[in-house]
Amino acid sequence: MAKKTLEDLLANKGLEVCGWRKVPVASDVLGEQAAGMEPLIEQIFINAPADMSDADFNRLLFVARRKTEMAIEPNDPTFYIASLHSQLMSYKAWSCRESCRNFTWT
């Protein structure tokens, strides 16, 4: 439901979803407690119209992210979008930097 909500909001803003991918992770580096709470981490690829400025593109991405969060979070409190930006990628974790470095591959 969350992916469809986001895709619909992006399409309504004239943005094209090219696809999704599950971010490769090394689950074996997680401790016992963290392994029991391992989230699903996915990355979305979005195209903007050729004539759209970076500022306008990122503004639309921000609005789509917030509207998706507001629509989904009341029904799914575990849903979270760490970032949705054309030039930045971030992960949010309750761990030390060294652990994250070994956990995700980009």
C-alpha atoms as a PDB file:
ATOM      1  CA  MET A   1       0.000   0.000   0.000  1.00  0.00           C
ATOM      2  CA  ALA A   2       2.808   2.436   0.855  1.00  0.00           C
ATOM      3  CA  LYS A   3       4.597   1.974  -2.474  1.00  0.00           C
ATOM      4  CA  LYS A   4       1.366   2.489  -4.436  1.00  0.00           C
ATOM      5  CA  THR A   5       0.503   5.596  -2.407  1.00  0.00           C
ATOM      6  CA  LEU A   6       3.920   7.100  -3.108  1.00  0.00           C
ATOM      7  CA  GLU A   7       3.836   6.118  -6.788  1.00  0.00           C
ATOM      8  CA  ASP A   8       0.379   7.676  -7.222  1.00  0.00           C
ATOM      9  CA  LEU A   9       1.447  10.926  -5.535  1.00  0.00           C
ATOM     10  CA  LEU A  10       4.565  11.132  -7.711  1.00  0.00           C
ATOM     11  CA  ALA A  11       2.554  10.450 -10.893  1.00  0.00           C
ATOM     12  CA  ASN A  12       0.076  13.181  -9.917  1.00  0.00           C
ATOM     13  CA  LYS A  13       3.029  15.587  -9.786  1.00  0.00           C
ATOM     14  CA  GLY A  14       4.213  14.591 -13.265  1.00  0.00           C
ATOM     15  CA  LEU A  15       7.095  12.427 -12.053  1.00  0.00           C
ATOM     16  CA  GLU A  16       7.859   8.985 -13.465  1.00  0.00           C
ATOM     17  CA  VAL A  17       8.738   6.027 -11.243  1.00  0.00           C
ATOM     18  CA  CYS A  18      11.361   3.970 -13.098  1.00  0.00           C
ATOM     19  CA  GLY A  19      11.507   1.181 -10.564  1.00  0.00           C
ATOM     20  CA  TRP A  20      12.364  -0.070  -7.122  1.00  0.00           C
ATOM     21  CA  ARG A  21      15.174  -2.165  -5.741  1.00  0.00           C
ATOM     22  CA  LYS A  22      15.731  -3.908  -2.448  1.00  0.00           C
ATOM     23  CA  VAL A  23      18.959  -2.519  -0.993  1.00  0.00           C
ATOM     24  CA  PRO A  24      21.482  -5.342  -0.560  1.00  0.00           C
ATOM     25  CA  VAL A  25      22.393  -5.858   3.083  1.00  0.00           C
ATOM     26  CA  ALA A  26      24.668  -8.136   5.058  1.00  0.00           C
ATOM     27  CA  SER A  27      22.251  -9.441   7.681  1.00  0.00           C
ATOM     28  CA  ASP A  28      24.962 -11.636   9.173  1.00  0.00           C
ATOM     29  CA  VAL A  29      26.698  -8.600  10.737  1.00  0.00           C
ATOM     30  CA  LEU A  30      23.649  -7.855  12.901  1.00  0.00           C
ATOM     31  CA  GLY A  31      23.513  -8.813  16.535  1.00  0.00           C
ATOM     32  CA  GLU A  32      20.732 -11.026  17.864  1.00  0.00           C
ATOM     33  CA  GLN A  33      18.496  -8.147  18.975  1.00  0.00           C
ATOM     34  CA  ALA A  34      18.984  -6.115  15.783  1.00  0.00           C
ATOM     35  CA  ALA A  35      18.380  -9.155  13.587  1.00  0.00           C
ATOM     36  CA  GLY A  36      14.932  -9.533  15.112  1.00  0.00           C
ATOM     37  CA  MET A  37      14.035  -5.972  14.074  1.00  0.00           C
ATOM     38  CA  GLU A  38      15.739  -5.789  10.683  1.00  0.00           C
ATOM     39  CA  PRO A  39      13.748  -3.480   8.406  1.00  0.00           C
ATOM     40  CA  LEU A  40      13.027  -3.851   4.724  1.00  0.00           C
ATOM     41  CA  ILE A  41      15.111  -1.206   2.939  1.00  0.00           C
ATOM     42  CA  GLU A  42      14.113  -0.267  -0.594  1.00  0.00           C
ATOM     43  CA  GLN A  43      15.279   2.409  -3.003  1.00  0.00           C
ATOM     44  CA  ILE A  44      13.033   4.103  -5.559  1.00  0.00           C
ATOM     45  CA  PHE A  45      14.198   5.573  -8.871  1.00  0.00           C
ATOM     46  CA  ILE A  46      12.265   8.591 -10.159  1.00  0.00           C
ATOM     47  CA  ASN A  47      12.590  10.635 -13.347  1.00  0.00           C
ATOM     48  CA  ALA A  48      11.635  14.291 -13.593  1.00  0.00           C
ATOM     49  CA  PRO A  49      10.613  16.004 -16.824  1.00  0.00           C
ATOM     50  CA  ALA A  50      13.650  17.306 -18.723  1.00  0.00           C
ATOM     51  CA  ASP A  51      12.569  20.931 -18.288  1.00  0.00           C
ATOM     52  CA  MET A  52      12.102  20.721 -14.492  1.00  0.00           C
ATOM     53  CA  SER A  53      14.672  22.445 -12.281  1.00  0.00           C
ATOM     54  CA  ASP A  54      16.429  20.542  -9.494  1.00  0.00           C
ATOM     55  CA  ALA A  55      14.773  22.815  -6.941  1.00  0.00           C
ATOM     56  CA  ASP A  56      11.290  22.104  -8.294  1.00  0.00           C
ATOM     57  CA  PHE A  57      12.037  18.374  -8.521  1.00  0.00           C
ATOM     58  CA  ASN A  58      13.214  18.206  -4.901  1.00  0.00           C
ATOM     59  CA  ARG A  59      10.248  20.273  -3.744  1.00  0.00           C
ATOM     60  CA  LEU A  60       7.857  17.799  -5.379  1.00  0.00           C
ATOM     61  CA  LEU A  61       9.781  14.866  -3.884  1.00  0.00           C
ATOM     62  CA  PHE A  62       9.478  16.431  -0.431  1.00  0.00           C
ATOM     63  CA  VAL A  63       5.727  17.007  -0.799  1.00  0.00           C
ATOM     64  CA  ALA A  64       5.183  13.455  -2.065  1.00  0.00           C
ATOM     65  CA  ARG A  65       7.216  12.026   0.830  1.00  0.00           C
ATOM     66  CA  ARG A  66       5.310  13.979   3.475  1.00  0.00           C
ATOM     67  CA  LYS A  67       1.879  13.216   1.987  1.00  0.00           C
ATOM     68  CA  THR A  68       2.776   9.526   1.775  1.00  0.00           C
ATOM     69  CA  GLU A  69       3.948   9.498   5.393  1.00  0.00           C
ATOM     70  CA  MET A  70       0.765  11.212   6.568  1.00  0.00           C
ATOM     71  CA  ALA A  71      -1.398   8.749   4.629  1.00  0.00           C
ATOM     72  CA  ILE A  72       0.426   5.579   5.725  1.00  0.00           C
ATOM     73  CA  GLU A  73       1.709   6.187   9.264  1.00  0.00           C
ATOM     74  CA  PRO A  74      -1.705   6.144  11.022  1.00  0.00           C
ATOM     75  CA  ASN A  75      -2.227   2.575   9.751  1.00  0.00           C
ATOM     76  CA  ASP A  76       1.393   1.406   9.805  1.00  0.00           C
ATOM     77  CA  PRO A  77       3.499   2.991  12.568  1.00  0.00           C
ATOM     78  CA  THR A  78       6.620   1.133  11.359  1.00  0.00           C
ATOM     79  CA  PHE A  79       6.542   2.822   7.926  1.00  0.00           C
ATOM     80  CA  TYR A  80       9.300   5.390   7.418  1.00  0.00           C
ATOM     81  CA  ILE A  81      10.925   7.141   4.453  1.00  0.00           C
ATOM     82  CA  ALA A  82      14.475   8.030   5.459  1.00  0.00           C
ATOM     83  CA  SER A  83      14.951  10.416   2.527  1.00  0.00           C
ATOM     84  CA  LEU A  84      13.569  11.289  -0.869  1.00  0.00           C
ATOM     85  CA  HIS A  85      15.928  13.673  -2.650  1.00  0.00           C
ATOM     86  CA  SER A  86      17.537  13.794  -6.074  1.00  0.00           C
ATOM     87  CA  GLN A  87      21.106  14.170  -4.804  1.00  0.00           C
ATOM     88  CA  LEU A  88      21.179  12.681  -1.299  1.00  0.00           C
ATOM     89  CA  MET A  89      20.680   9.192   0.012  1.00  0.00           C
ATOM     90  CA  SER A  90      20.469   8.461   3.706  1.00  0.00           C
ATOM     91  CA  TYR A  91      19.713   5.572   5.994  1.00  0.00           C
ATOM     92  CA  LYS A  92      18.451   5.908   9.549  1.00  0.00           C
ATOM     93  CA  ALA A  93      19.602   3.396  12.111  1.00  0.00           C
ATOM     94  CA  TRP A  94      20.087   2.971  15.819  1.00  0.00           C
ATOM     95  CA  SER A  95      23.648   1.778  15.541  1.00  0.00           C
ATOM     96  CA  CYS A  96      27.191   2.995  15.329  1.00  0.00           C
ATOM     97  CA  ARG A  97      28.625   4.163  12.033  1.00  0.00           C
ATOM     98  CA  GLU A  98      30.947   1.185  11.704  1.00  0.00           C
ATOM     99  CA  SER A  99      28.006  -1.240  11.888  1.00  0.00           C
ATOM    100  CA  CYS A 100      26.113   0.552   9.131  1.00  0.00           C
ATOM    101  CA  ARG A 101      29.187   0.578   6.915  1.00  0.00           C
ATOM    102  CA  ASN A 102      29.254  -3.233   7.023  1.00  0.00           C
ATOM    103  CA  PHE A 103      25.463  -3.671   6.795  1.00  0.00           C
ATOM    104  CA  THR A 104      24.503  -1.851   3.577  1.00  0.00           C
ATOM    105  CA  TRP A 105      25.933  -1.826   0.097  1.00  0.00           C
ATOM    106  CA  THR A 106      24.912   0.892  -2.344  1.00  0.00           C
END
